[in-house]
Protein backbone atom coordinates (compact mmCIF):
# COMPACT_ATOMS: atom_id res chain seq x y z
CA MET A 1 -0.49 -5.10 11.95
CA GLU A 2 2.06 -5.36 15.18
CA GLY A 3 6.12 -4.90 15.05
CA LEU A 4 6.48 -6.52 11.42
CA ARG A 5 9.75 -7.55 10.65
CA VAL A 6 10.33 -9.32 7.08
CA TYR A 7 13.94 -10.15 6.41
CA TYR A 8 15.40 -11.26 2.77
CA ASN A 9 18.65 -13.41 2.64
CA THR A 10 20.48 -12.01 -0.26
CA ASP A 11 24.09 -12.75 -2.01
CA ARG A 12 25.25 -9.38 -0.18
CA GLY A 13 23.70 -10.79 3.37
CA LEU A 14 20.65 -10.43 5.12
CA LEU A 15 18.61 -7.35 4.00
CA LYS A 16 15.91 -5.92 6.25
CA ALA A 17 12.92 -4.96 4.28
CA VAL A 18 10.82 -4.07 6.70
CA ASP A 19 11.74 -3.82 10.37
CA ASP A 20 9.13 -3.13 13.14
CA VAL A 21 6.20 -1.97 11.20
CA SER A 22 2.88 -1.35 13.12
CA PHE A 23 -0.50 0.21 12.11
CA SER A 24 -4.06 -0.28 11.97
CA VAL A 25 -6.73 0.03 9.42
CA GLY A 26 -10.63 1.00 10.63
CA LYS A 27 -13.57 -0.06 8.54
CA GLY A 28 -14.54 1.53 5.89
CA GLU A 29 -10.95 3.41 6.09
CA ILE A 30 -8.41 3.91 3.59
CA LEU A 31 -4.66 3.85 4.73
CA GLY A 32 -2.32 5.36 2.32
CA LEU A 33 0.89 3.66 2.95
CA VAL A 34 3.61 6.31 1.14
CA GLY A 35 7.36 5.94 0.53
CA GLU A 36 10.34 5.82 -2.25
CA SER A 37 10.36 2.77 -4.28
CA ALA A 38 11.93 -0.26 -2.20
CA CYS A 39 11.34 0.96 1.20
CA GLY A 40 9.37 -2.07 1.76
CA LYS A 41 5.91 -1.36 1.29
CA THR A 42 5.11 -4.17 -1.43
CA THR A 43 7.03 -6.46 1.37
CA VAL A 44 4.22 -5.08 4.06
CA ALA A 45 1.42 -6.26 1.69
CA MET A 46 2.87 -9.34 0.35
CA SER A 47 3.25 -10.29 4.45
CA ILE A 48 -0.89 -9.49 4.68
CA MET A 49 -1.53 -11.88 2.31
CA ARG A 50 1.15 -14.53 3.12
CA LEU A 51 2.42 -14.17 -0.51
CA LEU A 52 6.02 -13.51 0.53
CA PRO A 53 8.69 -15.02 -2.33
CA ALA A 54 11.49 -17.17 -1.44
CA GLY A 55 14.50 -16.15 0.40
CA ALA A 56 11.81 -13.75 2.36
CA ARG A 57 11.65 -14.66 6.55
CA VAL A 58 8.88 -13.01 8.67
CA ILE A 59 11.25 -12.54 11.66
CA ASP A 60 8.90 -11.27 14.22
CA GLY A 61 5.60 -9.33 14.89
CA ARG A 62 1.71 -10.19 14.09
CA VAL A 63 -0.64 -9.47 11.62
CA LEU A 64 -4.39 -9.52 12.90
CA PHE A 65 -7.36 -9.61 10.85
CA ASN A 66 -10.43 -10.11 12.89
CA GLY A 67 -8.48 -11.22 15.99
CA GLN A 68 -6.78 -13.67 13.83
CA ASP A 69 -3.14 -13.87 13.16
CA ILE A 70 -2.65 -14.39 9.47
CA LEU A 71 1.34 -15.07 10.17
CA SER A 72 0.20 -17.91 12.05
CA ALA A 73 -2.63 -19.63 10.18
CA THR A 74 -2.99 -22.75 8.24
CA GLU A 75 -3.07 -23.15 4.59
CA GLN A 76 -6.62 -24.57 5.24
CA GLN A 77 -7.12 -21.15 7.28
CA LEU A 78 -5.78 -19.14 4.84
CA ARG A 79 -7.49 -20.34 1.78
CA SER A 80 -10.48 -18.99 3.77
CA ILE A 81 -8.99 -15.42 3.90
CA ARG A 82 -7.47 -14.76 0.68
CA TRP A 83 -9.70 -13.43 -1.67
CA LYS A 84 -12.66 -14.26 0.27
CA GLN A 85 -11.70 -11.54 3.46
CA ILE A 86 -8.83 -9.89 2.15
CA SER A 87 -7.81 -9.15 -1.65
CA ILE A 88 -4.94 -7.37 -3.61
CA VAL A 89 -4.98 -5.66 -6.27
CA PHE A 90 -1.17 -6.23 -8.18
CA GLN A 91 1.00 -3.64 -8.94
CA GLY A 92 0.79 -4.11 -12.91
CA ALA A 93 -1.97 -5.45 -13.89
CA LEU A 94 -0.19 -6.44 -17.54
CA ASN A 95 1.62 -8.93 -15.55
CA SER A 96 -0.48 -10.17 -13.14
CA LEU A 97 -3.26 -11.51 -15.63
CA ASN A 98 -2.97 -15.14 -17.30
CA PRO A 99 -2.14 -13.78 -21.16
CA VAL A 100 -3.79 -17.47 -21.77
CA LEU A 101 -6.78 -17.30 -20.14
CA THR A 102 -10.06 -15.08 -20.79
CA VAL A 103 -10.92 -12.49 -17.96
CA ARG A 104 -13.99 -14.50 -17.10
CA GLU A 105 -12.27 -17.69 -16.43
CA GLN A 106 -9.39 -15.52 -14.27
CA ILE A 107 -12.79 -13.84 -12.09
CA ALA A 108 -14.78 -16.79 -12.01
CA GLU A 109 -11.68 -19.03 -10.40
CA GLY A 110 -11.75 -16.75 -7.40
CA ILE A 111 -15.44 -17.07 -7.12
CA GLN A 112 -15.62 -20.62 -7.43
CA ALA A 113 -13.25 -21.58 -5.24
CA HIS A 114 -14.95 -19.95 -2.45
CA GLU A 115 -18.50 -20.21 -3.23
CA ASN A 116 -20.75 -23.45 -3.91
CA VAL A 117 -22.52 -21.39 -7.07
CA ASP A 118 -23.31 -22.21 -10.82
CA LYS A 119 -22.05 -20.99 -14.05
CA ARG A 120 -25.06 -18.47 -14.58
CA THR A 121 -24.36 -16.84 -11.22
CA VAL A 122 -20.84 -16.70 -11.48
CA ASP A 123 -21.50 -15.00 -15.03
CA GLY A 124 -23.96 -12.70 -13.57
CA ARG A 125 -21.62 -11.52 -10.83
CA ILE A 126 -18.97 -10.86 -13.35
CA ASP A 127 -21.51 -8.80 -15.29
CA ALA A 128 -22.40 -6.70 -12.54
CA LEU A 129 -18.54 -6.32 -11.68
CA PHE A 130 -17.81 -5.40 -15.11
CA LYS A 131 -20.41 -2.66 -15.05
CA TYR A 132 -19.46 -1.29 -11.72
CA VAL A 133 -15.97 -0.79 -12.85
CA GLY A 134 -16.82 1.06 -16.33
CA LEU A 135 -16.31 -1.93 -18.53
CA ASP A 136 -18.83 -3.57 -21.11
CA PRO A 137 -19.87 -7.12 -19.80
CA ALA A 138 -19.63 -8.55 -23.08
CA ARG A 139 -16.07 -8.34 -23.34
CA ARG A 140 -15.60 -10.68 -20.26
CA THR A 141 -14.80 -13.03 -22.73
CA ASN A 142 -11.65 -11.38 -24.00
CA TYR A 143 -8.27 -12.14 -23.54
CA PRO A 144 -5.96 -9.49 -21.19
CA HIS A 145 -3.79 -8.33 -24.17
CA GLU A 146 -7.46 -7.45 -25.88
CA PHE A 147 -7.80 -4.49 -23.39
CA SER A 148 -5.73 -1.27 -22.74
CA GLY A 149 -3.79 -0.48 -19.55
CA GLY A 150 -6.91 1.45 -17.87
CA MET A 151 -9.00 -1.37 -18.55
CA LYS A 152 -6.53 -4.13 -17.19
CA GLN A 153 -6.69 -2.16 -14.01
CA ARG A 154 -10.18 -1.95 -13.67
CA ILE A 155 -10.30 -5.65 -14.28
CA MET A 156 -7.88 -6.14 -11.50
CA ILE A 157 -10.06 -4.14 -9.24
CA ALA A 158 -13.00 -6.42 -10.34
CA MET A 159 -11.43 -9.04 -9.57
CA ALA A 160 -10.36 -8.15 -6.02
CA LEU A 161 -14.01 -7.23 -5.48
CA ALA A 162 -15.54 -10.67 -6.77
CA CYS A 163 -15.78 -12.39 -3.30
CA ASN A 164 -17.03 -9.29 -1.32
CA PRO A 165 -13.65 -9.09 0.90
CA ALA A 166 -13.70 -6.55 4.10
CA LEU A 167 -10.31 -5.04 3.14
CA VAL A 168 -8.70 -4.32 -0.31
CA ILE A 169 -5.08 -4.05 -0.61
CA ALA A 170 -4.01 -2.00 -3.66
CA ASP A 171 -0.78 -1.80 -4.76
CA GLU A 172 0.38 0.93 -6.69
CA PRO A 173 -2.99 1.30 -8.61
CA THR A 174 -2.38 4.14 -11.03
CA THR A 175 1.47 2.95 -11.95
CA ALA A 176 2.17 3.58 -15.67
CA LEU A 177 -1.30 5.27 -16.69
CA ASP A 178 -1.93 8.45 -18.25
CA VAL A 179 -3.41 11.00 -15.93
CA VAL A 180 -6.84 10.76 -17.19
CA VAL A 181 -6.97 7.19 -16.58
CA GLN A 182 -5.46 7.98 -13.03
CA TYR A 183 -8.30 10.13 -12.39
CA GLN A 184 -10.70 7.59 -13.30
CA ILE A 185 -9.08 4.59 -11.12
CA LEU A 186 -9.05 7.23 -8.23
CA ASP A 187 -12.28 8.38 -8.88
CA LEU A 188 -13.35 4.54 -8.62
CA ILE A 189 -11.57 3.78 -5.67
CA ARG A 190 -13.40 6.39 -4.12
CA ASN A 191 -16.71 5.28 -4.99
CA LEU A 192 -15.77 1.82 -3.98
CA ARG A 193 -15.52 3.28 -0.16
CA GLU A 194 -18.43 5.26 -0.20
CA LYS A 195 -20.99 2.69 -1.73
CA LEU A 196 -19.56 -0.93 -0.34
CA GLN A 197 -17.97 0.59 2.85
CA ILE A 198 -14.39 -1.55 2.00
CA SER A 199 -11.58 -0.95 3.91
CA MET A 200 -8.36 -0.25 1.76
CA ILE A 201 -4.40 0.02 2.28
CA LEU A 202 -3.42 2.04 -0.60
CA ILE A 203 0.13 1.88 -1.37
CA THR A 204 2.17 4.33 -3.31
CA HIS A 205 4.56 6.92 -3.77
CA ASP A 206 2.67 9.85 -4.98
CA LEU A 207 1.40 12.45 -2.05
CA ALA A 208 -1.10 13.99 -4.59
CA VAL A 209 -3.18 10.24 -4.42
CA VAL A 210 -3.20 10.01 -0.87
CA ALA A 211 -3.97 13.06 -0.53
CA GLU A 212 -7.19 12.66 -2.63
CA LEU A 213 -8.05 9.67 -0.83
CA SER A 214 -6.77 8.44 2.21
CA ASP A 215 -7.98 8.81 5.96
CA THR A 216 -4.94 8.15 7.20
CA ILE A 217 -1.32 7.98 5.80
CA ALA A 218 1.79 5.71 7.31
CA ILE A 219 5.06 7.48 5.75
CA MET A 220 7.68 4.39 5.20
CA TYR A 221 11.44 4.83 4.68
CA ALA A 222 13.68 2.32 4.30
CA GLY A 223 11.66 -0.51 6.33
CA LYS A 224 10.36 1.64 9.07
CA ILE A 225 7.41 3.67 9.58
CA VAL A 226 8.68 7.28 10.02
CA GLU A 227 5.10 9.32 10.47
CA TYR A 228 1.81 7.99 11.11
CA GLY A 229 -1.88 9.89 11.76
CA ASP A 230 -4.48 11.88 10.17
CA THR A 231 -3.72 12.74 6.42
CA PHE A 232 -5.32 16.85 7.08
CA GLU A 233 -2.93 16.85 10.25
CA ILE A 234 0.23 15.27 8.32
CA PHE A 235 -0.19 17.57 5.34
CA GLU A 236 -0.88 20.46 6.94
CA LYS A 237 1.90 20.04 9.80
CA PRO A 238 4.31 17.54 9.05
CA LYS A 239 6.61 16.59 11.79
CA HIS A 240 9.28 14.16 10.24
CA PRO A 241 12.41 15.56 8.31
CA TYR A 242 11.58 13.28 5.37
CA THR A 243 7.73 14.15 5.44
CA ARG A 244 8.60 17.98 5.14
CA ALA A 245 11.02 16.78 2.56
CA LEU A 246 8.45 14.82 0.66
CA LEU A 247 6.34 17.53 0.87
CA LYS A 248 8.26 20.43 -0.38
CA SER A 249 9.03 18.36 -3.44
CA ILE A 250 5.75 18.73 -5.07
CA PRO A 251 4.07 21.60 -6.75
CA LYS A 252 1.19 23.52 -5.11
CA MET A 253 -1.76 25.02 -6.96
CA GLN A 254 -2.41 27.73 -4.79
CA GLY A 255 -0.08 30.61 -3.01
CA ALA A 256 3.20 31.85 -4.15
CA LYS A 257 5.41 30.34 -6.46
CA LYS A 258 8.64 28.44 -5.01
CA LEU A 259 11.54 26.36 -6.36
CA LEU A 260 10.68 22.86 -5.90
CA THR A 261 13.53 20.75 -3.81
CA TYR A 262 14.78 17.60 -3.91
CA ILE A 263 16.09 15.05 -1.22
CA SER A 264 19.81 14.93 -1.54
CA GLY A 265 21.63 11.52 -1.20
CA SER A 266 20.16 7.89 -1.40
CA VAL A 267 18.33 5.43 0.65
CA PRO A 268 20.65 3.37 2.65
CA ASP A 269 22.09 -0.16 1.89
CA LEU A 270 19.89 -2.41 4.03
CA THR A 271 22.12 -5.29 3.71
CA GLY A 272 24.92 -3.75 6.01
CA PRO A 273 25.03 -1.60 9.02
CA VAL A 274 22.88 1.70 9.25
CA ALA A 275 22.64 4.46 11.68
CA ALA A 276 20.03 4.28 14.23
CA CYS A 277 17.78 6.74 12.49
CA ARG A 278 17.59 5.27 9.09
CA PHE A 279 17.19 9.10 7.41
CA TYR A 280 20.37 10.24 9.29
CA ASP A 281 22.57 10.39 6.16
CA ARG A 282 20.21 12.63 4.11
CA CYS A 283 18.76 14.79 7.26
CA PRO A 284 19.86 18.44 7.45
CA TYR A 285 18.78 18.50 11.19
CA ALA A 286 20.65 15.02 12.27
CA GLN A 287 22.80 15.31 15.24
CA LYS A 288 25.45 12.32 16.98
CA VAL A 289 22.19 10.59 18.63
CA CYS A 290 20.72 9.93 15.42
CA ALA A 291 23.06 7.90 14.33
CA ASP A 292 23.36 5.92 17.91
CA VAL A 293 20.03 5.92 19.27
CA GLU A 294 16.94 4.97 17.33
CA PRO A 295 14.21 7.30 17.55
CA LYS A 296 11.03 5.56 18.42
CA ILE A 297 7.43 6.23 17.50
CA GLU A 298 5.90 9.17 19.72
CA GLN A 299 2.45 9.30 19.73
CA LEU A 300 1.76 13.54 19.55
CA SER A 301 -1.74 12.94 19.90
CA THR A 302 -4.38 10.91 18.70
CA ASN A 303 -4.19 11.93 14.98
CA GLN A 304 -0.26 12.07 14.72
CA ALA A 305 2.83 9.89 15.70
CA VAL A 306 6.18 10.53 14.56
CA ALA A 307 9.67 8.85 15.11
CA CYS A 308 12.14 12.16 15.33
CA HIS A 309 14.67 13.28 18.21
CA PHE A 310 14.02 16.87 17.63
CA TRP A 311 10.89 17.18 15.54
CA ARG A 312 9.94 20.06 18.20
CA ASP A 313 12.93 21.97 17.17
CA ILE A 314 12.35 21.35 13.37
CA GLU A 315 8.96 22.18 13.84
CA ASN A 316 9.79 25.91 15.67
CA GLN A 317 11.99 26.98 13.13
């Protein structure tokens, strides 16, 4: 992805939901896209799939997949990409499954749209998918309401894998699940990468999830990526004030006990004028230049990049 900008037409004006976002995902790699609610994570996912709602406009940028720009692809080309090469586990399985169709019918639809296979072959693949995600194949003819929340999430993962895609986007795959089921879903995602070598974009606001699974992390704030790089490097040596504040807000199992901190203030209204650095109003290190000059992403090493004027000064404190 290169320089993606996506704006929404709203009653209050133009909302700059995603503003100059760039990142890449290698084969077999998991990228964790992290940030607060409404920071633009899901808009990035919908842009990759070309499933943006009415009112959204792609202003600039490219989304390259195997050398092809998805944003300029024709509808026919998109049909060959969606689900066959790139699939998505939508946020909220309860709202993503059709309540009047059996689970078997919903998974089969994607397979039959891309492959000329008979019913027996489809059923065999669905059975194999159910076993892989830890569900009883005999339940493939059940309706969504007959499954628990964790089971629905497994069904969505099975659906995303139905056509053997190269890239899977998982949008908040553990939202609203209890901690036991969350662990099971995360373990399933880990096995996907290890056994199938699938590339994945894992969208979440949970730093513990990305620490567990991701190879690289992109930290988003108010439509921009403020820090990007190797997971270990960012957790061990965060550079951006926002990343540092996020890490201080989660408890640690080891070391001395410390009071958890929080980030005061709120995310800026992206329909109106904002400071050049969008974290300006909440940053304890902010100076006038932060309001006037946008900090560009600076490549610190092969493993880490940050957008902050004063990251060196902060690091020495």
